């Protein structure tokens, strides 16, 4: 009888060890498989798409970075390695073990994915309920991953940058910080929160090209190659910066300024301005650069619509370093 008892104890111990090993390889805490996977969420009876990248070996959630594509782009496009600078977030996630989420915008009048941001005069843009989609997705991720707003970050480029602003106006308490590339605030925002903004400070990083043809640094019509100005108007980059300095209580701070030109073939250098404080602002002036996400590894061709790409900084690296420093 004693032998039988000992045998049962050994079987029980070995069984527990096997179960523990299984739990270590497939944590219940993160309900997304490793790699890039596609998911859907229903928002007001409409199925909305988003992609999640979970790096191999990630066993806990240190941060979630939600990445918004530009107008006419797509989550699957900007997440594909080597094809878009925003895909570099995946490479960084492999190194730093954070979760990357690529939501997909609603369709504009031409059927291309975009974002219904705060512009009231964007007559050809998306009309979907994108703000509810992002808010609902944010809340779902927080619940699923058992985290809070201090681990949620939002970034976007172009139309995605304006959507990032829109979210920061309406639900700033649900995220820790934002970062934008090629985005000015709308000159004629929609009524309501988009007009009044929010008094809640929010750390922010911005990059903008001084020769951006689609999002003019001095303000004006967006993507106005046809001369119709049907994509709305934005204020200048300097006015956008001043808004965020005021909101974050940094209007009296002197910036720490540095300049560098890593790639001498891209026709411009970078001026970095850092406004330190409890809610910092970091601004990269991309001299002579156009409407492109800056990157040192994923290059984009120049065109009349986009201008020249700055290749002195890696946008994703600068953004993640900024986000990580806030934790």
Protein backbone atom coordinates (compact mmCIF):
# COMPACT_ATOMS: atom_id res chain seq x y z
CA UNK A 1 0.00 0.00 0.00
CA UNK A 2 2.91 2.33 0.80
CA UNK A 3 4.44 1.58 -2.62
CA UNK A 4 1.15 2.41 -4.32
CA UNK A 5 0.93 5.68 -2.41
CA UNK A 6 4.47 6.67 -3.44
CA UNK A 7 3.71 5.83 -7.06
CA UNK A 8 0.66 8.09 -7.03
CA UNK A 9 2.71 10.94 -5.55
CA UNK A 10 5.36 10.61 -8.27
CA UNK A 11 2.74 10.56 -11.02
CA UNK A 12 1.12 13.65 -9.52
CA UNK A 13 4.43 15.52 -9.32
CA UNK A 14 5.44 14.72 -12.89
CA UNK A 15 1.96 15.69 -14.11
CA UNK A 16 2.19 19.08 -12.38
CA UNK A 17 5.60 19.73 -13.92
CA UNK A 18 4.26 19.01 -17.40
CA UNK A 19 1.31 21.34 -16.87
CA UNK A 20 3.58 24.14 -15.65
CA UNK A 21 5.80 23.78 -18.72
CA UNK A 22 2.75 24.03 -20.98
CA UNK A 23 1.56 27.18 -19.21
CA UNK A 24 4.97 28.82 -19.62
CA UNK A 25 4.89 28.37 -23.40
CA UNK A 26 1.29 29.54 -23.84
CA UNK A 27 0.49 32.22 -21.23
CA UNK A 28 -3.20 32.77 -20.65
CA UNK A 29 -2.47 36.48 -20.06
CA UNK A 30 -1.93 37.23 -23.78
CA UNK A 31 -4.87 35.96 -25.90
CA UNK A 32 -3.05 36.49 -29.21
CA UNK A 33 -0.76 33.93 -30.87
CA UNK A 34 2.82 34.73 -31.75
CA UNK A 35 3.41 36.43 -35.09
CA UNK A 36 1.17 38.73 -37.15
CA UNK A 37 -2.51 37.76 -36.98
CA UNK A 38 -5.76 39.29 -38.22
CA UNK A 39 -8.73 39.96 -35.95
CA UNK A 40 -12.14 41.62 -36.05
CA UNK A 41 -14.28 43.58 -33.63
CA UNK A 42 -17.92 44.59 -34.08
CA UNK A 43 -18.57 48.32 -33.69
CA UNK A 44 -22.16 49.51 -34.02
CA UNK A 45 -23.02 46.36 -36.01
CA UNK A 46 -20.04 46.91 -38.35
CA UNK A 47 -17.13 44.45 -38.45
CA UNK A 48 -13.82 46.28 -38.08
CA UNK A 49 -10.42 44.79 -38.83
CA UNK A 50 -7.16 45.03 -36.92
CA UNK A 51 -3.85 43.17 -36.96
CA UNK A 52 -1.82 42.21 -33.91
CA UNK A 53 1.88 41.44 -33.84
CA UNK A 54 3.06 39.45 -30.85
CA UNK A 55 6.81 38.78 -30.86
CA UNK A 56 8.15 35.34 -30.05
CA UNK A 57 9.04 34.85 -26.40
CA UNK A 58 6.74 37.58 -25.10
CA UNK A 59 5.29 36.38 -21.79
CA UNK A 60 4.02 39.64 -20.29
CA UNK A 61 2.74 42.95 -21.63
CA UNK A 62 5.08 45.89 -21.06
CA UNK A 63 3.33 48.10 -23.64
CA UNK A 64 0.82 48.16 -26.51
CA UNK A 65 1.61 50.43 -29.47
CA UNK A 66 -1.35 51.10 -31.77
CA UNK A 67 -0.15 52.20 -35.23
CA UNK A 68 -2.48 54.10 -37.60
CA UNK A 69 -1.77 54.01 -41.34
CA UNK A 70 -2.17 57.04 -43.59
CA UNK A 71 -5.04 57.79 -45.96
CA UNK A 72 -5.27 55.21 -48.74
CA UNK A 73 -3.05 52.85 -46.77
CA UNK A 74 -3.96 49.72 -44.86
CA UNK A 75 -2.95 47.93 -41.70
CA UNK A 76 -1.69 44.94 -43.64
CA UNK A 77 0.40 47.19 -45.90
CA UNK A 78 2.20 49.20 -43.24
CA UNK A 79 2.80 46.09 -41.12
CA UNK A 80 4.59 44.13 -43.85
CA UNK A 81 8.30 44.02 -43.07
CA UNK A 82 10.52 45.97 -45.43
CA UNK A 83 7.70 47.70 -47.30
CA UNK A 84 6.84 50.59 -44.97
CA UNK A 85 8.71 52.41 -42.18
CA UNK A 86 5.84 51.68 -39.77
CA UNK A 87 6.65 47.97 -40.08
CA UNK A 88 9.85 48.67 -38.12
CA UNK A 89 7.71 48.63 -34.99
CA UNK A 90 7.60 44.84 -35.47
CA UNK A 91 11.39 44.64 -35.52
CA UNK A 92 11.57 46.68 -32.33
CA UNK A 93 8.87 44.52 -30.74
CA UNK A 94 11.03 41.46 -31.39
CA UNK A 95 13.83 43.13 -29.44
CA UNK A 96 11.81 44.83 -26.69
CA UNK A 97 8.86 42.42 -26.34
CA UNK A 98 5.89 44.77 -26.67
CA UNK A 99 2.63 44.26 -28.56
CA UNK A 100 1.97 46.11 -31.85
CA UNK A 101 -1.58 46.67 -33.12
CA UNK A 102 -2.38 47.87 -36.65
CA UNK A 103 -6.05 48.98 -36.87
CA UNK A 104 -7.62 49.41 -40.32
CA UNK A 105 -9.48 52.60 -41.20
CA UNK A 106 -12.92 52.87 -42.80
CA UNK A 107 -13.40 53.45 -46.54
CA UNK A 108 -13.39 56.88 -48.14
CA UNK A 109 -15.51 57.81 -51.18
CA UNK A 110 -13.06 55.98 -53.46
CA UNK A 111 -13.16 52.82 -51.37
CA UNK A 112 -9.69 53.26 -49.88
CA UNK A 113 -9.06 52.82 -46.14
CA UNK A 114 -8.72 56.06 -44.23
CA UNK A 115 -9.70 57.76 -41.00
CA UNK A 116 -12.64 60.01 -40.20
CA UNK A 117 -10.62 62.53 -38.19
CA UNK A 118 -11.59 65.95 -36.84
CA UNK A 119 -11.58 67.83 -40.17
CA UNK A 120 -15.05 69.20 -40.88
CA UNK A 121 -14.10 70.18 -44.45
CA UNK A 122 -12.65 66.85 -45.63
CA UNK A 123 -15.40 66.15 -48.16
CA UNK A 124 -13.81 63.11 -49.81
CA UNK A 125 -12.48 61.41 -46.69
CA UNK A 126 -13.75 58.48 -44.66
CA UNK A 127 -17.12 58.79 -42.93
CA UNK A 128 -16.98 55.70 -40.71
CA UNK A 129 -17.23 55.77 -36.92
CA UNK A 130 -13.49 55.41 -36.48
CA UNK A 131 -13.30 57.13 -33.12
CA UNK A 132 -15.68 54.59 -31.56
CA UNK A 133 -13.74 51.77 -33.21
CA UNK A 134 -10.44 52.91 -31.70
CA UNK A 135 -11.96 53.59 -28.28
CA UNK A 136 -13.66 50.19 -28.22
CA UNK A 137 -10.51 48.44 -29.42
CA UNK A 138 -8.43 50.23 -26.79
CA UNK A 139 -10.86 49.19 -24.05
CA UNK A 140 -10.93 45.59 -25.30
CA UNK A 141 -7.13 45.35 -25.30
CA UNK A 142 -6.91 46.80 -21.78
CA UNK A 143 -9.42 44.23 -20.54
CA UNK A 144 -7.99 41.25 -22.43
CA UNK A 145 -4.42 41.96 -21.41
CA UNK A 146 -5.24 43.02 -17.83
CA UNK A 147 -3.37 46.31 -18.13
CA UNK A 148 -4.22 50.00 -17.77
CA UNK A 149 -3.86 53.20 -19.77
CA UNK A 150 -0.24 53.66 -18.69
CA UNK A 151 0.74 50.90 -21.12
CA UNK A 152 -1.33 52.09 -24.09
CA UNK A 153 0.33 54.23 -26.78
CA UNK A 154 -0.96 55.64 -30.08
CA UNK A 155 0.92 56.75 -33.19
CA UNK A 156 0.03 57.54 -36.79
CA UNK A 157 1.11 59.19 -40.01
CA UNK A 158 -0.69 61.72 -42.25
CA UNK A 159 -4.43 60.97 -42.04
CA UNK A 160 -3.48 58.57 -39.24
CA UNK A 161 -1.69 61.44 -37.50
CA UNK A 162 -4.85 63.56 -37.62
CA UNK A 163 -6.82 60.59 -36.30
CA UNK A 164 -4.30 60.33 -33.47
CA UNK A 165 -5.00 63.98 -32.64
CA UNK A 166 -8.73 63.29 -32.77
CA UNK A 167 -8.37 60.47 -30.27
CA UNK A 168 -6.15 62.61 -28.05
CA UNK A 169 -8.84 65.31 -28.04
CA UNK A 170 -11.63 62.94 -27.06
CA UNK A 171 -10.14 60.13 -24.95
CA UNK A 172 -6.73 61.25 -23.63
CA UNK A 173 -7.28 59.49 -20.32
CA UNK A 174 -7.17 56.09 -22.06
CA UNK A 175 -3.59 56.38 -23.39
CA UNK A 176 -0.17 57.32 -22.02
CA UNK A 177 1.28 59.27 -24.97
CA UNK A 178 1.06 59.87 -28.72
CA UNK A 179 3.42 60.32 -31.66
CA UNK A 180 2.71 61.65 -35.15
CA UNK A 181 4.45 61.95 -38.50
CA UNK A 182 3.32 64.53 -41.08
CA UNK A 183 0.28 65.85 -39.28
CA UNK A 184 -1.01 69.35 -38.48
CA UNK A 185 -4.15 70.17 -36.54
CA UNK A 186 -7.28 70.94 -38.62
CA UNK A 187 -8.10 74.58 -39.32
CA UNK A 188 -11.84 73.89 -39.29
CA UNK A 189 -12.40 71.07 -36.78
CA UNK A 190 -15.75 69.42 -36.28
CA UNK A 191 -17.93 70.87 -33.54
CA UNK A 192 -17.80 69.43 -30.06
CA UNK A 193 -14.68 68.00 -28.49
CA UNK A 194 -12.73 68.33 -31.74
CA UNK A 195 -13.18 72.10 -31.49
CA UNK A 196 -12.61 72.57 -27.79
CA UNK A 197 -9.87 69.96 -27.45
CA UNK A 198 -8.95 68.72 -24.00
CA UNK A 199 -7.16 70.24 -21.03
CA UNK A 200 -5.55 66.91 -20.10
CA UNK A 201 -1.80 67.03 -20.85
CA UNK A 202 -0.40 64.25 -23.02
CA UNK A 203 3.26 63.59 -23.88
CA UNK A 204 3.80 63.89 -27.63
CA UNK A 205 6.47 63.34 -30.28
CA UNK A 206 6.15 64.94 -33.73
CA UNK A 207 8.09 64.81 -37.00
CA UNK A 208 7.38 67.03 -39.98
CA UNK A 209 9.07 67.87 -43.27
CA UNK A 210 9.57 71.53 -44.10
CA UNK A 211 8.79 70.77 -47.78
CA UNK A 212 5.76 68.55 -47.22
CA UNK A 213 3.50 69.00 -50.31
CA UNK A 214 0.50 67.16 -48.83
CA UNK A 215 0.47 68.53 -45.27
CA UNK A 216 1.97 72.02 -45.74
CA UNK A 217 4.28 73.08 -42.92
CA UNK A 218 2.84 76.60 -43.18
CA UNK A 219 -0.73 75.32 -43.17
CA UNK A 220 -3.36 75.31 -45.92
CA UNK A 221 -5.07 72.74 -48.12
CA UNK A 222 -4.29 69.05 -47.58
CA UNK A 223 -3.17 66.93 -50.56
CA UNK A 224 -4.19 69.67 -52.97
CA UNK A 225 -2.60 68.55 -56.25
CA UNK A 226 -5.90 69.07 -58.09
CA UNK A 227 -6.42 72.54 -56.63
CA UNK A 228 -9.90 71.77 -55.26
CA UNK A 229 -8.99 71.77 -51.56
CA UNK A 230 -11.57 69.04 -50.93
CA UNK A 231 -9.47 67.32 -48.26
CA UNK A 232 -9.79 70.22 -45.86
CA UNK A 233 -7.34 72.71 -44.40
CA UNK A 234 -4.84 72.47 -41.55
CA UNK A 235 -3.08 75.06 -39.42
CA UNK A 236 0.69 75.43 -39.59
CA UNK A 237 3.17 73.12 -37.94
CA UNK A 238 4.36 75.93 -35.64
CA UNK A 239 0.76 76.61 -34.54
CA UNK A 240 0.29 72.88 -33.94
CA UNK A 241 3.43 72.80 -31.78
CA UNK A 242 2.26 75.87 -29.85
CA UNK A 243 -1.08 74.21 -29.11
CA UNK A 244 0.66 71.18 -27.58
CA UNK A 245 3.14 73.32 -25.66
CA UNK A 246 0.23 75.21 -24.09
CA UNK A 247 -1.73 72.04 -23.37
CA UNK A 248 1.27 70.35 -21.74
CA UNK A 249 2.27 73.41 -19.71
CA UNK A 250 5.54 73.83 -21.60
CA UNK A 251 4.99 77.28 -23.11
CA UNK A 252 7.75 78.80 -20.97
CA UNK A 253 10.24 75.98 -21.45
CA UNK A 254 13.35 76.51 -23.57
CA UNK A 255 13.96 73.53 -25.87
CA UNK A 256 17.13 71.49 -25.86
CA UNK A 257 18.19 71.67 -29.52
CA UNK A 258 20.46 69.34 -31.48
CA UNK A 259 21.13 68.92 -35.20
CA UNK A 260 22.44 65.99 -37.19
CA UNK A 261 22.75 64.76 -40.76
CA UNK A 262 23.39 61.01 -40.77
CA UNK A 263 22.53 60.44 -44.43
CA UNK A 264 24.03 63.19 -46.59
CA UNK A 265 22.24 61.94 -49.73
CA UNK A 266 18.69 62.75 -48.61
CA UNK A 267 19.01 66.52 -49.22
CA UNK A 268 18.30 67.61 -45.67
CA UNK A 269 19.25 67.41 -42.01
CA UNK A 270 17.27 67.05 -38.79
CA UNK A 271 16.75 69.56 -36.01
CA UNK A 272 15.55 67.96 -32.78
CA UNK A 273 13.84 70.12 -30.17
CA UNK A 274 13.13 68.62 -26.75
CA UNK A 275 10.81 70.40 -24.32
CA UNK A 276 11.30 68.69 -20.97
CA UNK A 277 8.64 68.48 -18.30
CA UNK A 278 6.12 66.15 -16.70
CA UNK A 279 4.45 65.87 -20.12
CA UNK A 280 7.32 66.36 -22.58
CA UNK A 281 7.19 67.34 -26.23
CA UNK A 282 9.80 66.18 -28.73
CA UNK A 283 9.79 67.75 -32.19
CA UNK A 284 11.89 66.70 -35.19
CA UNK A 285 12.12 69.32 -37.94
CA UNK A 286 12.99 67.42 -41.13
CA UNK A 287 14.60 70.06 -43.33
CA UNK A 288 13.71 69.75 -47.04
CA UNK A 289 11.79 66.52 -46.38
CA UNK A 290 8.33 65.81 -47.74
CA UNK A 291 5.25 63.81 -46.82
CA UNK A 292 6.98 60.57 -45.92
CA UNK A 293 7.72 58.67 -42.72
CA UNK A 294 11.44 59.11 -42.01
CA UNK A 295 13.50 55.93 -42.00
CA UNK A 296 17.11 54.79 -42.16
CA UNK A 297 16.20 51.28 -43.32
CA UNK A 298 12.96 51.33 -45.36
CA UNK A 299 13.31 53.74 -48.27
CA UNK A 300 10.51 55.37 -50.27
CA UNK A 301 10.78 56.96 -53.70
CA UNK A 302 10.20 60.68 -54.17
CA UNK A 303 7.22 62.04 -56.10
CA UNK A 304 5.34 65.28 -56.61
CA UNK A 305 2.70 64.11 -54.16
CA UNK A 306 5.08 62.97 -51.43
CA UNK A 307 8.36 64.84 -51.80
CA UNK A 308 11.68 63.57 -50.42
CA UNK A 309 12.02 61.09 -47.56
CA UNK A 310 14.30 61.97 -44.65
CA UNK A 311 16.74 59.12 -43.94
CA UNK A 312 18.55 60.51 -40.91
CA UNK A 313 16.24 59.01 -38.27
CA UNK A 314 14.16 55.87 -37.86
CA UNK A 315 10.70 57.07 -36.91
CA UNK A 316 9.72 53.84 -35.13
CA UNK A 317 12.95 53.83 -33.10
CA UNK A 318 12.51 57.43 -31.99
CA UNK A 319 8.88 56.83 -31.08
CA UNK A 320 9.54 53.67 -29.10
CA UNK A 321 12.46 55.30 -27.26
CA UNK A 322 10.13 58.18 -26.34
CA UNK A 323 7.31 55.86 -25.22
CA UNK A 324 9.67 53.60 -23.28
CA UNK A 325 11.18 56.56 -21.45
CA UNK A 326 7.73 57.48 -20.08
CA UNK A 327 7.20 54.16 -18.34
